[in-house]
Amino acid sequence: ELQLVESGGGLVQTGGSLRLSCKASPSGFTFDDYALGWFRQAPGKDREGVSCISMSDGTTYYSDSVKGRFTVSRDNDKSLVYLQMNNLKPEDAAVYYCAAGLSRWGRSWLQYYYGMHYWGRGTPVTVSS
């Protein structure tokens, strides 16, 4: 059983930056078939796939709404996945969830929230205008 714990959320002004972290445990979990990434959900809105990264080859995908502003990365040795968020906008405000799903889904990973194998509990991001 894989556990995912997010951290790094908080309050930031428009144009500011935050870095989210997702710690996966146990550290000995085999990630070969998985991509880890991020969904977000704002009040009254559907859960939206933001970005993901293959834990085996580092392939990344981004939603159009964050491309060029957000960067996903991984540290396999530490079982960590990061989401660097720059130039934040009020519309980025949401609870951000770390998730693990199969890497063979490719870019469709961002749409398969119902198929994710594991979820974290989320970390809130608030962007003040």
Foldseek 3Di string as FASTA:
>chain_A
DKAKAKDWADEEAQQAKIKMKIAIPPLPDDQQFKKKAKWWDDPPDDIFQAKIARPNPGDMDGDPVQPPFWDWDDDSNRRMIMIIGGRDDQVVWTWMKMFMDGCVCPNCVRVVPVHTPYIYPTDTHGYHD
